[in-house]
Structures are given as structure tokens and as C-alpha cells.
N, C-alpha and C. Protein backbone atom coordinates (compact mmCIF):
# COMPACT_ATOMS: atom_id res chain seq x y z
N MET A 1 -31.72 -2.01 8.61
CA MET A 1 -32.48 -0.97 8.57
C MET A 1 -31.84 0.60 9.21
N LEU A 2 -30.73 -0.16 10.53
CA LEU A 2 -30.13 0.87 10.96
C LEU A 2 -29.23 1.74 9.95
N GLN A 3 -28.68 0.95 9.02
CA GLN A 3 -27.91 1.41 8.09
C GLN A 3 -28.30 2.61 7.05
N THR A 4 -29.96 1.97 6.81
CA THR A 4 -30.46 3.00 6.07
C THR A 4 -30.84 4.30 6.80
N LEU A 5 -31.37 4.39 8.04
CA LEU A 5 -31.60 5.29 9.03
C LEU A 5 -30.33 6.15 8.88
N LEU A 6 -29.28 5.62 9.35
CA LEU A 6 -27.95 6.43 9.59
C LEU A 6 -27.50 7.21 7.92
N ASP A 7 -28.15 6.54 7.25
CA ASP A 7 -27.63 7.05 5.88
C ASP A 7 -28.61 8.42 5.46
N PHE A 8 -29.72 7.82 5.93
CA PHE A 8 -30.42 9.07 5.75
C PHE A 8 -30.33 10.27 6.94
N VAL A 9 -29.59 9.98 7.73
CA VAL A 9 -29.47 11.64 8.88
C VAL A 9 -27.68 11.85 8.65
N PHE A 10 -27.40 10.79 8.63
CA PHE A 10 -26.17 11.19 8.36
C PHE A 10 -25.53 10.88 6.34
N PRO A 11 -25.47 11.42 5.49
CA PRO A 11 -25.80 10.83 4.33
C PRO A 11 -23.95 10.83 3.95
N ARG A 12 -23.58 9.75 3.63
CA ARG A 12 -22.19 9.22 2.87
C ARG A 12 -22.32 9.33 1.46
N VAL A 13 -21.10 9.66 0.80
CA VAL A 13 -20.77 9.53 -0.20
C VAL A 13 -20.45 8.50 -0.98
N SER A 14 -20.56 8.42 -2.34
CA SER A 14 -19.70 7.07 -2.53
C SER A 14 -18.69 7.79 -3.68
N LEU A 15 -17.94 6.44 -4.18
CA LEU A 15 -16.99 7.15 -5.17
C LEU A 15 -17.54 8.11 -6.53
N THR A 16 -18.71 7.84 -6.45
CA THR A 16 -19.24 8.61 -7.81
C THR A 16 -20.03 10.03 -7.16
N GLY A 17 -20.07 10.09 -5.99
CA GLY A 17 -20.74 10.89 -5.38
C GLY A 17 -22.28 10.98 -5.24
N GLU A 18 -22.78 9.27 -5.27
CA GLU A 18 -24.01 9.05 -4.95
C GLU A 18 -23.99 9.06 -3.26
N SER A 19 -25.34 9.16 -2.82
CA SER A 19 -25.41 9.29 -1.63
C SER A 19 -25.68 7.54 -1.08
N GLY A 20 -25.23 7.04 0.12
CA GLY A 20 -25.92 5.81 0.16
C GLY A 20 -24.51 5.39 1.02
N LEU A 21 -24.17 4.17 0.30
CA LEU A 21 -22.73 3.15 0.54
C LEU A 21 -22.07 3.70 0.21
N TRP A 22 -20.50 3.65 0.89
CA TRP A 22 -19.44 4.32 0.17
C TRP A 22 -18.88 3.58 -1.21
N ILE A 23 -19.45 2.45 -1.60
CA ILE A 23 -19.01 1.97 -2.85
C ILE A 23 -20.42 1.15 -3.24
N THR A 24 -20.81 1.74 -4.15
CA THR A 24 -21.82 0.83 -4.73
C THR A 24 -21.86 -0.54 -5.58
N GLU A 25 -22.55 -1.42 -5.69
CA GLU A 25 -22.67 -2.58 -6.65
C GLU A 25 -21.75 -2.16 -7.90
N LYS A 26 -21.95 -1.46 -8.39
CA LYS A 26 -21.97 -0.71 -9.27
C LYS A 26 -20.28 -0.45 -9.83
N GLU A 27 -19.91 0.36 -8.81
CA GLU A 27 -18.65 0.75 -8.46
C GLU A 27 -17.73 -0.36 -8.19
N ARG A 28 -17.85 -1.20 -7.43
CA ARG A 28 -17.32 -2.54 -7.29
C ARG A 28 -16.90 -3.06 -7.91
N ALA A 29 -18.25 -3.36 -9.22
CA ALA A 29 -17.87 -4.01 -10.13
C ALA A 29 -16.79 -3.55 -11.50
N ARG A 30 -16.43 -2.42 -11.20
CA ARG A 30 -15.40 -1.34 -12.00
C ARG A 30 -14.27 -1.55 -11.17
N LEU A 31 -13.75 -1.78 -10.05
CA LEU A 31 -13.02 -2.12 -9.46
C LEU A 31 -11.81 -3.47 -9.83
N GLN A 32 -11.57 -3.70 -11.65
CA GLN A 32 -11.19 -5.13 -11.60
C GLN A 32 -9.71 -4.92 -11.72
N SER A 33 -8.76 -6.47 -11.26
CA SER A 33 -7.71 -6.38 -11.16
C SER A 33 -6.95 -6.95 -12.61
N THR A 34 -6.21 -5.96 -12.88
CA THR A 34 -5.16 -6.05 -13.90
C THR A 34 -3.64 -6.34 -13.89
N PRO A 35 -3.55 -7.45 -13.45
CA PRO A 35 -1.89 -7.46 -12.27
C PRO A 35 -0.75 -7.04 -13.27
N ILE A 36 -0.16 -6.74 -12.38
CA ILE A 36 1.57 -5.92 -13.09
C ILE A 36 2.63 -6.55 -11.88
N ARG A 37 3.32 -6.86 -12.53
CA ARG A 37 4.66 -7.72 -12.07
C ARG A 37 5.88 -7.33 -12.52
N GLU A 38 6.96 -6.77 -11.52
CA GLU A 38 8.16 -6.27 -12.26
C GLU A 38 8.90 -7.46 -11.63
N SER A 39 10.12 -7.58 -12.12
CA SER A 39 11.19 -8.60 -11.73
C SER A 39 12.44 -7.84 -11.15
N LYS A 40 13.35 -8.60 -10.57
CA LYS A 40 14.14 -7.89 -10.46
C LYS A 40 14.80 -6.89 -11.14
N GLU A 41 15.32 -7.71 -12.54
CA GLU A 41 15.77 -7.20 -13.52
C GLU A 41 15.11 -6.07 -14.00
N GLN A 42 13.95 -5.95 -13.97
CA GLN A 42 13.08 -4.93 -14.50
C GLN A 42 13.11 -3.85 -13.75
N LEU A 43 13.44 -4.04 -12.43
CA LEU A 43 13.34 -2.81 -11.46
C LEU A 43 14.34 -2.48 -11.40
N GLN A 44 15.47 -3.03 -11.73
CA GLN A 44 16.92 -2.36 -11.39
C GLN A 44 17.24 -1.60 -12.94
N LYS A 45 16.57 -1.88 -14.14
CA LYS A 45 16.73 -1.09 -15.00
C LYS A 45 15.93 0.16 -15.15
N ARG A 46 15.26 0.41 -14.09
CA ARG A 46 14.43 1.70 -14.00
C ARG A 46 15.08 2.69 -12.43
N GLY A 47 16.35 1.92 -11.88
CA GLY A 47 16.93 2.52 -11.03
C GLY A 47 16.30 1.98 -9.36
N VAL A 48 15.74 1.03 -8.97
CA VAL A 48 15.45 0.11 -8.24
C VAL A 48 16.20 -0.97 -7.78
N HIS A 49 16.96 -0.64 -6.64
CA HIS A 49 17.90 -1.79 -6.56
C HIS A 49 17.94 -2.68 -5.29
N PHE A 50 16.68 -2.41 -4.28
CA PHE A 50 16.63 -3.46 -3.42
C PHE A 50 15.95 -4.10 -3.31
N LEU A 51 14.61 -3.78 -4.07
CA LEU A 51 13.57 -4.38 -4.06
C LEU A 51 13.81 -5.96 -5.10
N ASP A 52 12.99 -6.96 -4.53
CA ASP A 52 13.34 -8.18 -5.68
C ASP A 52 12.36 -8.55 -6.46
N HIS A 53 10.97 -8.13 -6.15
CA HIS A 53 10.23 -8.16 -6.98
C HIS A 53 9.02 -7.29 -6.39
N VAL A 54 7.71 -7.13 -7.28
CA VAL A 54 6.81 -6.11 -7.14
C VAL A 54 5.31 -6.78 -7.76
N THR A 55 4.72 -6.64 -7.21
CA THR A 55 3.42 -7.09 -7.55
C THR A 55 2.06 -6.56 -7.14
N ALA A 56 2.09 -5.80 -8.43
CA ALA A 56 0.73 -4.88 -8.50
C ALA A 56 -0.71 -5.47 -8.81
N ALA A 57 -2.03 -5.01 -7.87
CA ALA A 57 -3.32 -5.79 -8.49
C ALA A 57 -3.66 -5.35 -9.57
N SER A 58 -3.41 -3.49 -10.25
CA SER A 58 -3.63 -3.31 -11.22
C SER A 58 -2.83 -1.91 -11.76
N GLY A 59 -3.12 -1.24 -12.72
CA GLY A 59 -2.18 -0.51 -13.34
C GLY A 59 -3.26 0.91 -12.46
N TYR A 60 -2.49 2.00 -11.72
CA TYR A 60 -3.40 3.26 -11.58
C TYR A 60 -3.87 3.81 -12.44
N HIS A 61 -3.22 3.80 -13.56
CA HIS A 61 -3.47 5.12 -14.44
C HIS A 61 -4.89 4.20 -15.25
N ASP A 62 -5.59 2.90 -15.07
CA ASP A 62 -6.13 2.20 -16.13
C ASP A 62 -7.34 2.75 -15.18
N SER A 63 -7.96 2.99 -14.54
CA SER A 63 -8.91 3.16 -13.54
C SER A 63 -9.17 4.35 -12.87
N TRP A 64 -10.38 5.08 -13.20
CA TRP A 64 -10.53 6.16 -12.65
C TRP A 64 -11.20 5.78 -10.94
N TYR A 65 -11.52 4.46 -11.26
CA TYR A 65 -12.60 4.19 -9.78
C TYR A 65 -11.38 3.75 -8.85
N LEU A 66 -10.48 3.14 -9.02
CA LEU A 66 -9.23 2.87 -8.29
C LEU A 66 -8.67 4.18 -7.94
N GLN A 67 -8.55 4.97 -8.84
CA GLN A 67 -7.86 5.97 -8.44
C GLN A 67 -8.49 6.84 -7.17
N ARG A 68 -10.05 7.26 -7.58
CA ARG A 68 -10.64 7.36 -6.86
C ARG A 68 -10.99 6.55 -5.29
N ALA A 69 -10.71 5.32 -5.43
CA ALA A 69 -10.76 4.71 -4.36
C ALA A 69 -9.60 4.71 -3.06
N ILE A 70 -8.58 4.44 -3.91
CA ILE A 70 -7.28 5.04 -2.89
C ILE A 70 -7.26 6.37 -2.44
N ALA A 71 -7.43 7.26 -3.02
CA ALA A 71 -7.89 8.68 -2.53
C ALA A 71 -8.76 8.94 -1.57
N THR A 72 -9.93 8.23 -1.77
CA THR A 72 -10.53 8.31 -0.92
C THR A 72 -10.47 7.92 0.75
N LEU A 73 -9.81 6.37 0.20
CA LEU A 73 -9.18 5.85 1.63
C LEU A 73 -8.06 6.79 2.39
N LYS A 74 -7.32 7.26 1.74
CA LYS A 74 -6.46 7.64 2.20
C LYS A 74 -6.59 9.57 2.94
N TYR A 75 -7.20 9.91 2.04
CA TYR A 75 -7.23 11.34 1.98
C TYR A 75 -8.90 11.81 2.39
N GLY A 76 -9.72 10.84 2.06
CA GLY A 76 -11.21 10.71 2.52
C GLY A 76 -11.18 10.26 3.81
N ARG A 77 -10.14 9.31 4.22
CA ARG A 77 -10.25 8.76 5.66
C ARG A 77 -11.90 7.88 5.50
N VAL A 78 -11.89 7.38 4.63
CA VAL A 78 -13.01 6.15 4.97
C VAL A 78 -12.15 4.85 4.77
N ARG A 79 -12.27 4.25 6.07
CA ARG A 79 -11.28 3.14 6.15
C ARG A 79 -12.26 1.80 5.51
N ALA A 80 -13.80 1.80 5.54
CA ALA A 80 -14.28 0.77 5.05
C ALA A 80 -13.47 0.50 3.72
N LEU A 81 -12.91 1.03 2.86
CA LEU A 81 -12.45 0.75 1.59
C LEU A 81 -11.46 -0.18 1.80
N ALA A 82 -10.72 -0.23 2.29
CA ALA A 82 -9.27 -0.87 2.97
C ALA A 82 -10.16 -2.30 2.29
N PRO A 83 -11.02 -2.78 2.86
CA PRO A 83 -11.05 -4.43 2.54
C PRO A 83 -11.19 -4.51 0.98
N GLU A 84 -12.45 -3.18 0.38
CA GLU A 84 -12.31 -3.53 -1.16
C GLU A 84 -11.19 -3.79 -1.67
N LEU A 85 -10.32 -2.57 -1.35
CA LEU A 85 -8.89 -2.48 -1.84
C LEU A 85 -7.94 -3.78 -1.67
N VAL A 86 -8.36 -4.83 -0.99
CA VAL A 86 -7.46 -6.05 -0.35
C VAL A 86 -8.29 -7.37 -1.59
N THR A 87 -9.31 -6.81 -1.33
CA THR A 87 -9.82 -8.16 -2.76
C THR A 87 -9.16 -7.97 -3.76
N LEU A 88 -8.98 -6.74 -4.20
CA LEU A 88 -8.33 -6.49 -5.74
C LEU A 88 -6.78 -7.42 -5.24
N MET A 89 -6.32 -6.57 -4.33
CA MET A 89 -4.72 -7.48 -3.95
C MET A 89 -4.49 -8.91 -4.14
N LEU A 90 -5.92 -9.37 -3.47
CA LEU A 90 -5.39 -10.98 -3.08
C LEU A 90 -5.75 -11.82 -4.81
N SER A 91 -6.75 -11.20 -5.39
CA SER A 91 -6.37 -11.36 -6.95
C SER A 91 -5.43 -11.27 -7.96
N ALA A 92 -4.62 -10.81 -7.37
CA ALA A 92 -3.04 -10.62 -8.19
C ALA A 92 -2.08 -10.93 -6.59
N LYS A 93 -2.45 -12.02 -6.03
CA LYS A 93 -1.77 -12.87 -4.97
C LYS A 93 -0.15 -13.26 -5.49
N PRO A 94 1.22 -12.55 -5.20
CA PRO A 94 2.36 -13.55 -5.26
C PRO A 94 2.76 -14.64 -4.80
N ASP A 95 3.80 -15.15 -5.51
CA ASP A 95 3.77 -16.52 -5.23
C ASP A 95 5.03 -16.27 -4.05
N ALA A 96 5.00 -17.59 -3.43
CA ALA A 96 5.82 -17.73 -1.97
C ALA A 96 5.71 -16.65 -0.93
N LEU A 97 4.44 -16.72 -0.54
CA LEU A 97 3.58 -16.32 0.62
C LEU A 97 4.26 -17.22 1.80
N ARG A 98 4.41 -18.42 1.80
CA ARG A 98 4.69 -19.29 2.89
C ARG A 98 5.98 -18.81 3.18
N ASP A 99 6.08 -18.91 4.74
CA ASP A 99 7.36 -18.59 5.34
C ASP A 99 7.77 -17.59 4.95
N ALA A 100 7.12 -16.37 4.88
CA ALA A 100 7.29 -14.78 4.71
C ALA A 100 6.34 -13.77 5.66
N VAL A 101 6.43 -12.85 6.12
CA VAL A 101 5.39 -11.58 6.85
C VAL A 101 5.67 -10.67 5.90
N LEU A 102 4.36 -10.02 6.56
CA LEU A 102 4.24 -9.10 5.63
C LEU A 102 4.45 -7.70 6.61
N CYS A 103 4.75 -6.35 5.83
CA CYS A 103 5.43 -5.41 6.78
C CYS A 103 4.61 -4.23 6.03
N PRO A 104 3.95 -3.09 6.87
CA PRO A 104 3.31 -2.12 6.18
C PRO A 104 4.47 -1.30 6.50
N VAL A 105 4.54 -0.66 5.27
CA VAL A 105 5.06 0.80 4.91
C VAL A 105 4.66 1.85 5.99
N PRO A 106 5.49 2.49 6.74
CA PRO A 106 5.11 3.40 7.49
C PRO A 106 5.25 4.48 7.73
N LEU A 107 4.37 5.43 8.09
CA LEU A 107 4.19 6.86 8.02
C LEU A 107 4.84 7.52 9.29
N HIS A 108 5.59 9.02 8.88
CA HIS A 108 6.11 9.72 10.00
C HIS A 108 4.97 10.01 10.90
N TRP A 109 5.55 10.03 11.96
CA TRP A 109 4.75 10.27 13.17
C TRP A 109 3.78 11.37 13.05
N SER A 110 4.27 12.77 12.36
CA SER A 110 3.84 13.97 11.94
C SER A 110 2.38 13.33 11.24
N ARG A 111 2.72 12.84 10.18
CA ARG A 111 2.01 12.44 9.16
C ARG A 111 0.85 11.78 9.81
N LEU A 112 1.18 10.91 10.52
CA LEU A 112 0.14 9.86 11.26
C LEU A 112 -0.80 10.78 12.20
N LEU A 113 -0.41 11.82 12.71
CA LEU A 113 -0.88 12.47 13.57
C LEU A 113 -2.21 13.49 12.78
N GLU A 114 -1.51 13.54 11.43
CA GLU A 114 -2.37 14.36 10.83
C GLU A 114 -3.45 13.85 9.78
N ARG A 115 -3.58 12.43 9.45
CA ARG A 115 -4.54 11.81 8.66
C ARG A 115 -4.96 10.60 10.17
N GLY A 116 -4.59 10.43 10.91
CA GLY A 116 -5.46 9.76 11.94
C GLY A 116 -5.49 8.39 11.99
N PHE A 117 -4.11 7.75 10.75
CA PHE A 117 -4.07 6.31 10.69
C PHE A 117 -3.43 6.38 9.36
N ASN A 118 -2.41 4.96 9.40
CA ASN A 118 -1.90 4.74 8.07
C ASN A 118 -2.73 3.78 7.53
N GLN A 119 -2.82 3.97 5.99
CA GLN A 119 -4.10 3.06 5.33
C GLN A 119 -2.98 2.00 4.90
N THR A 120 -1.65 1.72 4.99
CA THR A 120 -0.49 0.69 4.53
C THR A 120 -1.11 -0.22 5.99
N ASP A 121 -1.27 0.34 7.12
CA ASP A 121 -1.60 -0.45 8.55
C ASP A 121 -3.12 -1.24 7.88
N LEU A 122 -3.79 -1.00 7.87
CA LEU A 122 -5.22 -1.26 7.11
C LEU A 122 -4.93 -2.31 6.23
N LEU A 123 -4.59 -2.11 5.18
CA LEU A 123 -4.49 -2.87 4.14
C LEU A 123 -3.39 -4.10 4.47
N THR A 124 -2.32 -4.18 5.40
CA THR A 124 -1.72 -5.15 5.93
C THR A 124 -2.43 -6.02 6.79
N SER A 125 -3.11 -5.58 8.08
CA SER A 125 -3.86 -6.38 8.62
C SER A 125 -5.25 -7.04 8.08
N GLU A 126 -5.46 -6.46 7.14
CA GLU A 126 -6.66 -7.55 6.12
C GLU A 126 -6.12 -8.41 5.47
N LEU A 127 -5.08 -8.16 4.93
CA LEU A 127 -4.30 -9.49 4.42
C LEU A 127 -4.05 -10.37 5.24
N ALA A 128 -3.14 -9.56 6.25
CA ALA A 128 -3.26 -11.03 7.25
C ALA A 128 -3.89 -11.64 7.95
N LYS A 129 -5.62 -11.30 8.19
CA LYS A 129 -6.65 -11.78 8.33
C LYS A 129 -7.00 -12.73 6.97
N ARG A 130 -6.88 -12.19 6.11
CA ARG A 130 -7.58 -13.30 5.10
C ARG A 130 -6.42 -14.02 4.21
N THR A 131 -4.94 -13.91 4.83
CA THR A 131 -3.96 -15.33 3.97
C THR A 131 -3.69 -16.03 5.32
N GLY A 132 -3.54 -15.32 6.43
CA GLY A 132 -2.70 -16.34 7.65
C GLY A 132 -1.55 -15.75 7.42
N VAL A 133 -1.04 -14.99 6.89
CA VAL A 133 0.43 -14.48 6.62
C VAL A 133 0.42 -13.72 8.16
N GLU A 134 1.99 -14.19 8.53
CA GLU A 134 1.95 -12.80 9.40
C GLU A 134 2.18 -11.70 9.16
N SER A 135 1.89 -10.91 10.03
CA SER A 135 2.02 -9.11 9.85
C SER A 135 3.14 -8.53 10.92
N LEU A 136 4.02 -8.28 10.59
CA LEU A 136 5.24 -7.50 11.54
C LEU A 136 5.39 -5.92 11.37
N SER A 137 5.68 -4.94 12.03
CA SER A 137 6.03 -4.04 11.99
C SER A 137 7.46 -3.63 11.94
N LEU A 138 8.12 -3.78 11.29
CA LEU A 138 9.52 -3.69 11.22
C LEU A 138 10.02 -2.39 10.80
N LEU A 139 9.52 -1.78 11.01
CA LEU A 139 10.25 -0.09 10.33
C LEU A 139 9.72 0.55 10.66
N ARG A 140 10.43 1.71 10.87
CA ARG A 140 10.22 3.28 11.50
C ARG A 140 10.54 4.32 10.54
N ARG A 141 9.88 5.27 10.33
CA ARG A 141 10.15 6.24 9.26
C ARG A 141 11.02 7.53 10.00
N THR A 142 12.35 7.66 9.73
CA THR A 142 13.18 8.64 10.54
C THR A 142 12.75 9.95 10.23
N ARG A 143 12.03 10.40 9.38
CA ARG A 143 11.87 12.04 9.12
C ARG A 143 10.56 11.95 8.34
N ALA A 144 10.25 13.50 8.56
CA ALA A 144 8.84 13.23 7.62
C ALA A 144 9.17 14.00 6.02
N THR A 145 9.02 13.35 5.37
CA THR A 145 9.71 13.36 4.01
C THR A 145 8.81 14.44 2.94
N GLY A 146 8.00 14.54 3.20
CA GLY A 146 6.62 15.40 2.21
C GLY A 146 5.93 14.91 1.69
N HIS A 147 5.17 15.23 0.74
CA HIS A 147 4.28 14.40 -0.40
C HIS A 147 5.26 13.79 -1.71
N GLN A 148 5.77 12.73 -1.84
CA GLN A 148 6.27 12.08 -2.74
C GLN A 148 5.77 12.79 -4.37
N ALA A 149 4.18 12.57 -4.30
CA ALA A 149 3.50 13.05 -5.42
C ALA A 149 3.82 14.06 -6.12
N TRP A 150 4.50 15.15 -5.52
CA TRP A 150 4.45 16.55 -6.15
C TRP A 150 5.92 16.58 -6.41
N ARG A 151 6.75 15.49 -6.35
CA ARG A 151 8.48 15.66 -7.03
C ARG A 151 8.47 14.69 -7.90
N GLY A 152 9.51 15.08 -8.56
CA GLY A 152 9.89 14.21 -9.89
C GLY A 152 11.08 13.19 -9.16
N ARG A 153 11.51 12.26 -9.95
CA ARG A 153 12.06 11.07 -9.62
C ARG A 153 13.47 11.61 -8.61
N GLU A 154 14.42 12.45 -9.01
CA GLU A 154 15.55 12.57 -8.19
C GLU A 154 15.28 13.04 -7.14
N GLU A 155 14.24 13.99 -7.19
CA GLU A 155 14.00 14.48 -5.76
C GLU A 155 13.21 13.65 -4.93
N ARG A 156 12.69 12.56 -5.50
CA ARG A 156 12.14 11.77 -4.06
C ARG A 156 13.13 10.52 -3.89
N LEU A 157 14.10 10.04 -4.82
CA LEU A 157 15.32 9.92 -4.17
C LEU A 157 16.12 10.22 -3.31
N VAL A 158 16.05 11.49 -3.27
CA VAL A 158 16.97 12.40 -2.59
C VAL A 158 16.33 12.68 -1.18
N SER A 159 14.99 12.40 -1.01
CA SER A 159 14.18 13.12 -0.05
C SER A 159 13.88 11.31 0.75
N MET A 160 14.06 10.34 -0.05
CA MET A 160 13.73 8.74 0.44
C MET A 160 15.11 8.45 1.21
N HIS A 161 16.30 8.84 0.84
CA HIS A 161 17.92 8.65 1.45
C HIS A 161 17.43 8.52 2.82
N ASP A 162 18.04 7.16 3.56
CA ASP A 162 17.88 6.59 5.02
C ASP A 162 16.55 7.12 5.42
N ALA A 163 15.19 7.27 4.91
CA ALA A 163 14.25 7.27 5.55
C ALA A 163 13.39 6.62 6.28
N PHE A 164 14.08 5.30 6.73
CA PHE A 164 13.63 4.05 7.63
C PHE A 164 14.89 3.40 8.21
N ARG A 165 14.25 3.30 9.06
CA ARG A 165 15.18 2.28 10.05
C ARG A 165 14.43 0.90 10.74
N PHE A 166 15.48 -0.01 10.71
CA PHE A 166 14.40 -0.99 11.41
C PHE A 166 14.74 -1.41 12.56
N VAL A 167 13.13 -1.74 13.36
CA VAL A 167 13.13 -1.46 14.36
C VAL A 167 12.35 -3.11 15.04
N GLY A 168 12.15 -4.08 14.24
CA GLY A 168 11.94 -5.67 14.38
C GLY A 168 12.76 -6.01 15.32
N LYS A 169 12.19 -6.90 16.24
CA LYS A 169 12.90 -7.68 17.37
C LYS A 169 13.35 -9.04 16.72
N CYS A 170 13.18 -9.77 15.68
CA CYS A 170 13.34 -10.48 14.77
C CYS A 170 13.71 -10.10 13.53
N VAL A 171 14.44 -10.99 12.60
CA VAL A 171 14.97 -10.60 11.23
C VAL A 171 14.36 -11.56 10.51
N PRO A 172 13.26 -11.40 9.74
CA PRO A 172 12.73 -12.40 8.80
C PRO A 172 13.76 -12.95 7.58
N THR A 173 13.51 -13.61 7.30
CA THR A 173 14.56 -14.26 6.21
C THR A 173 13.33 -13.64 4.27
N ARG A 174 12.34 -13.45 4.86
CA ARG A 174 11.48 -13.07 3.19
C ARG A 174 10.82 -12.00 3.91
N VAL A 175 10.34 -10.76 3.45
CA VAL A 175 9.25 -9.77 3.63
C VAL A 175 8.82 -9.33 2.22
N PHE A 176 7.49 -8.90 2.57
CA PHE A 176 6.45 -8.66 1.46
C PHE A 176 6.17 -7.32 2.48
N LEU A 177 6.65 -6.06 1.57
CA LEU A 177 6.38 -4.95 2.13
C LEU A 177 4.93 -4.50 1.24
N VAL A 178 4.23 -3.90 2.31
CA VAL A 178 2.76 -3.57 2.03
C VAL A 178 2.30 -2.11 1.70
N ASP A 179 1.99 -1.71 0.13
CA ASP A 179 1.63 -0.04 0.10
C ASP A 179 0.79 -0.21 -0.61
N ASP A 180 -0.30 1.19 -1.18
CA ASP A 180 -1.38 1.12 -1.42
C ASP A 180 -0.82 1.77 -3.37
N LEU A 181 0.35 1.91 -3.29
CA LEU A 181 0.69 2.43 -4.77
C LEU A 181 2.29 2.31 -4.84
N ILE A 182 2.79 2.26 -6.40
CA ILE A 182 4.26 2.36 -6.57
C ILE A 182 4.33 3.06 -7.42
N THR A 183 5.13 3.89 -7.64
CA THR A 183 5.42 5.03 -8.93
C THR A 183 7.24 4.61 -9.39
N THR A 184 7.74 5.72 -8.92
CA THR A 184 9.00 5.21 -8.89
C THR A 184 9.70 4.39 -8.40
N GLY A 185 8.77 4.16 -7.44
CA GLY A 185 9.50 3.02 -6.46
C GLY A 185 10.58 3.19 -5.42
N ALA A 186 10.78 4.98 -5.58
CA ALA A 186 11.84 5.44 -3.97
C ALA A 186 11.52 5.10 -2.94
N THR A 187 10.24 5.39 -2.42
CA THR A 187 9.76 4.85 -1.11
C THR A 187 9.85 3.50 -0.50
N LEU A 188 9.82 2.34 -1.66
CA LEU A 188 9.59 0.94 -1.33
C LEU A 188 11.07 0.63 -1.19
N ASP A 189 11.99 1.32 -2.33
CA ASP A 189 13.44 0.78 -2.36
C ASP A 189 14.30 1.48 -1.12
N ALA A 190 13.97 2.54 -0.85
CA ALA A 190 14.37 3.15 0.65
C ALA A 190 14.10 1.94 1.85
N ALA A 191 12.53 1.26 1.79
CA ALA A 191 12.16 0.14 2.82
C ALA A 191 12.81 -0.57 2.67
N ALA A 192 12.92 -1.31 1.43
CA ALA A 192 13.91 -2.47 1.28
C ALA A 192 15.14 -2.27 1.71
N LYS A 193 15.96 -1.30 1.80
CA LYS A 193 17.41 -1.15 1.62
C LYS A 193 17.89 -1.26 3.19
N ALA A 194 16.51 -0.74 4.04
CA ALA A 194 16.55 -0.55 5.45
C ALA A 194 16.44 -2.16 6.11
N LEU A 195 15.59 -2.91 5.48
CA LEU A 195 15.25 -4.01 5.68
C LEU A 195 16.67 -5.31 5.60
N LYS A 196 17.03 -5.15 4.35
CA LYS A 196 18.28 -5.83 3.88
C LYS A 196 19.56 -5.45 4.51
N ASP A 197 19.74 -4.29 5.11
CA ASP A 197 20.58 -3.81 5.82
C ASP A 197 20.75 -4.53 7.03
N ALA A 198 19.66 -4.72 7.36
CA ALA A 198 19.28 -5.92 8.81
C ALA A 198 19.15 -7.07 8.52
N GLY A 199 19.53 -7.44 7.44
CA GLY A 199 19.98 -8.94 7.08
C GLY A 199 18.52 -9.44 6.70
N VAL A 200 17.79 -9.18 6.11
CA VAL A 200 16.57 -9.90 5.90
C VAL A 200 17.47 -10.12 4.29
N GLY A 201 16.89 -11.93 3.73
CA GLY A 201 17.50 -11.75 2.58
C GLY A 201 16.61 -11.01 1.27
N HIS A 202 15.40 -11.45 1.69
CA HIS A 202 14.32 -10.90 0.17
C HIS A 202 13.48 -10.04 0.38
N VAL A 203 13.32 -8.97 -0.38
CA VAL A 203 11.95 -8.09 0.04
C VAL A 203 11.09 -8.30 -1.46
N GLU A 204 9.91 -8.22 -1.34
CA GLU A 204 9.03 -7.90 -2.30
C GLU A 204 7.60 -6.72 -2.30
N ALA A 205 7.42 -6.33 -2.92
CA ALA A 205 6.62 -5.44 -2.49
C ALA A 205 4.98 -6.06 -3.35
N TRP A 206 4.04 -6.05 -2.39
CA TRP A 206 2.64 -6.05 -2.75
C TRP A 206 1.68 -4.88 -2.79
N VAL A 207 1.51 -4.41 -3.67
CA VAL A 207 0.59 -2.99 -3.67
C VAL A 207 -0.73 -3.20 -4.31
N VAL A 208 -1.70 -2.22 -4.31
CA VAL A 208 -2.80 -1.92 -4.93
C VAL A 208 -2.56 -1.38 -6.30
N ALA A 209 -1.80 -0.59 -6.57
CA ALA A 209 -1.84 0.12 -7.71
C ALA A 209 -0.48 -0.07 -8.32
N HIS A 210 0.09 -0.02 -9.73
CA HIS A 210 1.66 0.65 -10.27
C HIS A 210 0.95 1.81 -10.88
N GLY A 211 1.86 3.13 -10.34
CA GLY A 211 1.59 4.11 -11.41
C GLY A 211 2.90 4.51 -12.68
């Protein structure tokens, strides 16, 4: 009753623009998982050298609803969508989570101030709660790198060079980097390099979508 009243006074917008819930049952049904996995060999062939494996819940371009959900979480600042996306991620759960830790890919402080939150923190926290796997903030972004979506592959690689620094109090043997999207892999590979330079033995990425 309270939510109905709040929706009437302060109407919210769903993924397709309908008033009411942030995501309707019809929209939720369209957020289907079509897992994509990349091995170390596949990653190296496309120039990603430090990640050992990637698990994505779905292809980014396979679903307009998924694209909209990710954009609404990040830029619409609708934090309530994080658990919906984590449900997708859990349907494509990686192997060997045992004895691993989860690590969110950090934003630079200027982007964090602009957005108000880091969507990967929300995803990681929800994953930790639902899997029982420990979450640790092991990395810090050393500088603002701008919007990667506006850049080509070579520009992304240059902008991400040494963009992360290890700040963990301990060095895990196995880390799963959590992010919303992987495209060229430049950001996640730079994060993996910082972890491996610190002594982490194995680094995988667990993401919502593969672009």
C-alpha cells in the first residue's frame, strides 16, 4: 500500500517507460542469461594478457532490456536494479569460487563523486551476500581515465596503463574481479595486472554482460 501511494505521488519509470515499478514482471522475464565464457587462450588472442578467465551472464548486444537495465543502474542511479543483475550473474556462476575473494573494479574518486556510488560495489556486495564469498576492496584507481565507451581499443589501452594500484592488506591467491560490462577488456586487464603485480596468482572477471 505504501509503495502504491509513493508511486502515485512520485511516479517511477520502468525500463520501458511505464510508471510504477522500476522493473515489471514482463521486463524481468526478458532479462535472460545467455552465458559467455572466455578462456585465457581466447583472451590472449585478443590482446588481454593478465586475466585468466571471463564469465559473463549474457551478451550485451543480445538484449535491449539488458542494455537498458545496466544504463539505468549506472546513469539513472537506480540502485534497486543491482539485485536483478546479480540474479543474472548467478545463473552463470563461475567455477572454483571456493577459496576465492570478490573484488569490485573501483571508480576514480571524481567519478564516484559525480555518480554518487559505484555500481560494481553494489553488484559485489550482493554477490557476496548471496554466495558467501568474501568481498575485498583490493584496488584503487590512480587517476581519472574518462569514458571508455567513447574510445577505440588502442586509446583504451593507453588510458588504462597503470590506472590501478593494489591497496589490499593481504594478498589472496585467487580473485574474481566484478564489473558490469567487458568490451575490449582493457579496464579489467589493467586491474588484473595490478593484482598480479602484487602477488595474486589467479585473476578472473565475473561480469553482467559481454560487449
